[in-house]
Amino acid sequence: MRIEYRKGDGGDNGWSSLNEEKGNTVAMTSSLVITNELLGYSTMTYQDFTPLATMASEWQSVIVPADSPIQTIADLMNQLKNDPDANPIGIEPQFGNDDQIAFAQAARSEGIAASQLRFFRYDDAPSLASALQSSEIAAASLSSSQSAKMLTKGEVRILAISSEERLDSMPNVPTWKEQGIDLVFPHWRGVMGPKEMSEEEKRQWSVLLSKVSASSVWKDEMKKNQWTPFYRNSIDTIKLLESDTRKYRHFMNE
């Protein structure tokens, strides 16, 4: 097995070559395969590929520097209401991703329109962390696995998590819901293949990914990365992509 990482364009660089590959080739995917097209960054949709499985989900978090005077998500929202220009929010690596959409939805529930918010985009997590420490941004919206790593280093405080209930791995981090923001926002990741996969290839990958999802190695990996079990087979993954396309289109229209 050969693993190749292609950086840039929120996944589009890798996905654009998937249908050109010969042999048994697959790619990791996320909601960016939906939002890239909705925002005009790409002409590709999930229908240009063969969705094989959804493997896991994680959650969105909001962080501030460890020494920030902002103590709660309510503090942050109040500062954004009073002076959004002075309190930019950092995201990475792409505008229109779950980091930005989740935060915009949370702010909207507090009466803050997305058009009022300033989002600064960074290419990767280290750049985002550096901007946070230098006060270039007031806070950042990012995945729970990324924020957990920064928390371990003592660099940040996590103000909120987008899960239904507090995570066992972060028992001291309150959910948005318990802080009065009624929003639960999962960030899933899956696997897809070229559009013209043979039925035999589809079957082989479906069996393999199902076995992976049930394995102890995968369960350990999910625990290590703060992920939540979210396995969906190919048919249910297509249903998820259809429903999420409607959801994201609704978010963006708002």
Protein backbone atom coordinates (compact mmCIF):
# COMPACT_ATOMS: atom_id res chain seq x y z
CA MET A 1 0.00 0.00 0.00
CA ARG A 2 1.26 3.50 -0.87
CA ILE A 3 -0.09 6.61 0.88
CA GLU A 4 0.29 9.96 -0.85
CA TYR A 5 -0.52 13.34 0.71
CA ARG A 6 -1.42 16.19 -1.60
CA LYS A 7 -1.62 19.54 0.13
CA GLY A 8 -3.83 22.46 -0.83
CA ASP A 9 -7.27 23.61 -1.95
CA GLY A 10 -9.12 21.94 0.91
CA GLY A 11 -8.68 18.47 -0.54
CA ASP A 12 -9.36 19.41 -4.14
CA ASN A 13 -5.78 18.78 -5.28
CA GLY A 14 -6.01 15.15 -4.27
CA TRP A 15 -9.60 14.57 -5.31
CA SER A 16 -9.07 16.07 -8.77
CA SER A 17 -6.60 13.30 -9.61
CA LEU A 18 -8.58 10.43 -8.11
CA ASN A 19 -10.53 9.68 -11.28
CA GLU A 20 -7.31 9.71 -13.29
CA GLU A 21 -5.58 7.08 -11.16
CA LYS A 22 -5.17 3.54 -12.40
CA GLY A 23 -5.78 0.58 -10.12
CA ASN A 24 -7.27 0.32 -6.69
CA THR A 25 -7.01 3.90 -5.42
CA VAL A 26 -9.12 5.67 -2.77
CA ALA A 27 -9.06 9.00 -0.95
CA MET A 28 -10.08 10.36 2.42
CA THR A 29 -12.99 12.78 2.29
CA SER A 30 -14.91 15.19 4.48
CA SER A 31 -17.66 17.80 4.20
CA LEU A 32 -15.29 19.90 2.07
CA VAL A 33 -16.30 17.75 -0.89
CA ILE A 34 -19.70 19.43 -0.48
CA THR A 35 -18.80 22.97 0.57
CA ASN A 36 -16.02 23.45 -2.00
CA GLU A 37 -18.59 23.09 -4.77
CA LEU A 38 -21.28 25.15 -3.04
CA LEU A 39 -18.82 28.05 -2.61
CA GLY A 40 -17.55 27.85 -6.18
CA TYR A 41 -14.05 26.62 -5.26
CA SER A 42 -14.59 23.43 -7.24
CA THR A 43 -16.82 21.99 -9.93
CA MET A 44 -16.62 18.50 -8.41
CA THR A 45 -19.30 17.00 -6.19
CA TYR A 46 -19.50 13.72 -4.30
CA GLN A 47 -21.47 12.36 -7.28
CA ASP A 48 -18.22 12.44 -9.29
CA PHE A 49 -16.85 9.71 -7.03
CA THR A 50 -17.86 6.46 -5.36
CA PRO A 51 -18.60 7.01 -1.64
CA LEU A 52 -17.40 3.88 0.17
CA ALA A 53 -17.82 4.57 3.89
CA THR A 54 -17.95 7.17 6.64
CA MET A 55 -15.46 6.16 9.31
CA ALA A 56 -15.51 8.61 12.22
CA SER A 57 -16.59 12.01 13.45
CA GLU A 58 -15.03 14.57 15.69
CA TRP A 59 -16.26 17.83 17.08
CA GLN A 60 -15.66 21.52 16.61
CA SER A 61 -14.05 23.49 19.41
CA VAL A 62 -13.36 27.13 20.17
CA ILE A 63 -10.05 28.08 21.76
CA VAL A 64 -8.34 31.19 23.13
CA PRO A 65 -4.76 31.72 24.38
CA ALA A 66 -4.15 30.38 27.87
CA ASP A 67 -3.68 33.93 29.19
CA SER A 68 -6.67 35.45 27.38
CA PRO A 69 -9.09 37.53 29.48
CA ILE A 70 -11.91 35.74 27.64
CA GLN A 71 -13.08 33.10 30.11
CA THR A 72 -16.27 31.72 28.55
CA ILE A 73 -18.00 31.46 25.19
CA ALA A 74 -20.42 34.12 26.47
CA ASP A 75 -17.46 36.49 26.99
CA LEU A 76 -16.34 35.90 23.41
CA MET A 77 -19.80 36.42 21.97
CA ASN A 78 -20.18 39.67 23.93
CA GLN A 79 -16.89 40.96 22.56
CA LEU A 80 -17.98 40.05 19.04
CA LYS A 81 -21.25 41.91 19.53
CA ASN A 82 -19.44 45.00 20.78
CA ASP A 83 -16.53 45.06 18.33
CA PRO A 84 -16.30 42.20 15.83
CA ASP A 85 -13.54 43.93 13.83
CA ALA A 86 -11.22 43.88 16.84
CA ASN A 87 -11.83 40.16 17.48
CA PRO A 88 -11.05 38.11 14.35
CA ILE A 89 -11.54 34.36 14.46
CA GLY A 90 -8.93 32.01 13.01
CA ILE A 91 -9.69 28.93 10.90
CA GLU A 92 -7.69 26.53 8.72
CA PRO A 93 -7.17 25.49 6.00
CA GLN A 94 -10.12 26.66 3.88
CA PHE A 95 -12.89 29.24 3.95
CA GLY A 96 -16.28 27.53 4.01
CA ASN A 97 -15.11 24.54 6.03
CA ASP A 98 -16.76 23.17 9.17
CA ASP A 99 -14.54 25.34 11.39
CA GLN A 100 -16.03 28.48 9.89
CA ILE A 101 -19.58 27.25 9.37
CA ALA A 102 -19.94 25.84 12.88
CA PHE A 103 -18.71 29.06 14.48
CA ALA A 104 -20.91 31.20 12.22
CA GLN A 105 -23.95 29.13 13.19
CA ALA A 106 -23.15 29.46 16.89
CA ALA A 107 -22.72 33.22 16.53
CA ARG A 108 -25.93 33.49 14.55
CA SER A 109 -27.86 31.93 17.43
CA GLU A 110 -26.52 34.80 19.56
CA GLY A 111 -27.74 37.42 17.09
CA ILE A 112 -24.41 37.94 15.32
CA ALA A 113 -24.65 37.71 11.53
CA ALA A 114 -21.91 35.90 9.64
CA SER A 115 -21.31 39.06 7.63
CA GLN A 116 -20.26 40.84 10.84
CA LEU A 117 -17.56 38.31 11.68
CA ARG A 118 -13.94 38.55 10.57
CA PHE A 119 -12.35 35.20 9.74
CA PHE A 120 -8.61 34.86 9.15
CA ARG A 121 -7.54 31.75 7.22
CA TYR A 122 -4.30 29.85 7.89
CA ASP A 123 -2.69 27.04 5.91
CA ASP A 124 -2.15 24.70 8.84
CA ALA A 125 -2.56 24.25 12.60
CA PRO A 126 0.95 25.52 13.54
CA SER A 127 0.30 28.78 11.67
CA LEU A 128 -3.05 29.09 13.40
CA ALA A 129 -1.47 28.47 16.82
CA SER A 130 1.21 31.08 16.12
CA ALA A 131 -1.41 33.67 15.17
CA LEU A 132 -3.31 32.92 18.36
CA GLN A 133 -0.22 33.34 20.55
CA SER A 134 0.73 36.62 18.86
CA SER A 135 -2.81 38.00 19.36
CA GLU A 136 -3.33 38.33 15.62
CA ILE A 137 -6.66 36.60 16.28
CA ALA A 138 -8.83 36.65 19.41
CA ALA A 139 -9.93 33.01 19.16
CA ALA A 140 -9.89 30.06 16.80
CA SER A 141 -12.42 27.51 15.65
CA LEU A 142 -10.92 24.10 14.92
CA SER A 143 -11.36 20.38 15.43
CA SER A 144 -11.32 18.89 18.91
CA SER A 145 -8.29 16.69 18.12
CA GLN A 146 -6.24 19.74 17.16
CA SER A 147 -7.30 21.74 20.20
CA ALA A 148 -6.54 18.79 22.49
CA LYS A 149 -2.92 18.78 21.31
CA MET A 150 -2.59 22.51 21.99
CA LEU A 151 -4.25 22.08 25.38
CA THR A 152 -1.69 19.43 26.34
CA LYS A 153 1.10 21.91 25.61
CA GLY A 154 -0.58 24.50 27.86
CA GLU A 155 -0.96 26.97 24.98
CA VAL A 156 -4.73 27.40 25.03
CA ARG A 157 -7.99 27.14 26.89
CA ILE A 158 -10.95 25.45 25.22
CA LEU A 159 -14.15 27.46 25.65
CA ALA A 160 -16.67 25.11 24.03
CA ILE A 161 -17.14 21.83 22.21
CA SER A 162 -19.88 21.11 19.66
CA SER A 163 -20.80 17.65 20.98
CA GLU A 164 -24.15 16.68 22.48
CA GLU A 165 -22.52 16.00 25.86
CA ARG A 166 -19.12 16.61 27.39
CA LEU A 167 -16.41 14.31 26.08
CA ASP A 168 -14.84 11.77 28.43
CA SER A 169 -11.45 12.92 27.14
CA MET A 170 -12.27 16.58 27.94
CA PRO A 171 -14.49 16.46 31.03
CA ASN A 172 -13.78 20.08 31.95
CA VAL A 173 -14.76 21.51 28.56
CA PRO A 174 -18.43 22.59 28.42
CA THR A 175 -20.57 22.02 25.36
CA TRP A 176 -22.11 24.88 23.45
CA LYS A 177 -25.53 23.58 24.46
CA GLU A 178 -24.90 23.81 28.19
CA GLN A 179 -23.73 27.40 27.66
CA GLY A 180 -27.01 28.36 26.01
CA ILE A 181 -26.03 27.86 22.35
CA ASP A 182 -28.31 25.15 20.98
CA LEU A 183 -26.03 23.68 18.34
CA VAL A 184 -24.54 20.20 17.91
CA PHE A 185 -22.09 20.00 15.02
CA PRO A 186 -20.22 16.79 14.04
CA HIS A 187 -17.29 16.88 11.65
CA TRP A 188 -17.12 13.51 9.86
CA ARG A 189 -14.48 11.89 7.69
CA GLY A 190 -14.86 9.08 5.20
CA VAL A 191 -13.42 7.23 2.23
CA MET A 192 -14.32 7.45 -1.46
CA GLY A 193 -13.04 5.94 -4.67
CA PRO A 194 -13.08 6.84 -8.37
CA LYS A 195 -16.48 7.08 -10.01
CA GLU A 196 -15.82 4.15 -12.31
CA MET A 197 -14.89 1.59 -9.65
CA SER A 198 -15.76 -1.97 -10.54
CA GLU A 199 -18.36 -3.80 -8.48
CA GLU A 200 -15.64 -6.13 -7.24
CA GLU A 201 -13.52 -3.21 -6.05
CA LYS A 202 -16.54 -1.67 -4.29
CA ARG A 203 -17.25 -4.96 -2.56
CA GLN A 204 -13.63 -5.45 -1.49
CA TRP A 205 -13.35 -1.94 -0.05
CA SER A 206 -16.72 -2.19 1.68
CA VAL A 207 -15.73 -5.42 3.42
CA LEU A 208 -12.30 -4.05 4.36
CA LEU A 209 -13.61 -0.74 5.77
CA SER A 210 -16.32 -2.52 7.74
CA LYS A 211 -13.66 -4.74 9.32
CA VAL A 212 -11.46 -1.73 10.06
CA SER A 213 -14.31 0.10 11.82
CA ALA A 214 -14.84 -2.88 14.16
CA SER A 215 -11.15 -3.51 14.90
CA SER A 216 -9.44 -2.79 18.21
CA VAL A 217 -6.68 -0.93 16.36
CA TRP A 218 -9.21 1.52 14.88
CA LYS A 219 -10.90 1.97 18.25
CA ASP A 220 -7.54 2.82 19.79
CA GLU A 221 -6.88 5.27 16.97
CA MET A 222 -10.23 6.98 17.53
CA LYS A 223 -9.54 7.30 21.24
CA LYS A 224 -6.08 8.73 20.59
CA ASN A 225 -7.46 11.35 18.18
CA GLN A 226 -10.57 12.31 20.18
CA TRP A 227 -12.79 10.86 17.41
CA THR A 228 -16.31 9.47 17.84
CA PRO A 229 -17.56 6.24 16.17
CA PHE A 230 -19.59 7.24 13.11
CA TYR A 231 -19.38 4.29 10.71
CA ARG A 232 -21.71 4.34 7.70
CA ASN A 233 -21.61 1.88 4.81
CA SER A 234 -21.64 3.03 1.19
CA ILE A 235 -25.42 3.35 0.88
CA ASP A 236 -25.78 5.21 4.17
CA THR A 237 -22.82 7.43 3.30
CA ILE A 238 -24.58 8.52 0.12
CA LYS A 239 -27.67 9.35 2.21
CA LEU A 240 -25.46 11.36 4.60
CA LEU A 241 -23.93 13.28 1.70
CA GLU A 242 -27.37 14.05 0.28
CA SER A 243 -28.71 15.32 3.62
CA ASP A 244 -25.55 17.30 4.39
CA THR A 245 -25.65 18.96 0.96
CA ARG A 246 -29.12 20.26 1.83
CA LYS A 247 -27.91 21.29 5.31
CA TYR A 248 -24.88 23.22 4.07
CA ARG A 249 -26.83 24.87 1.29
CA HIS A 250 -29.34 26.06 3.90
CA PHE A 251 -26.53 27.36 6.16
CA MET A 252 -24.92 29.27 3.33
CA ASN A 253 -28.17 30.75 2.10
CA GLU A 254 -28.76 32.07 5.61
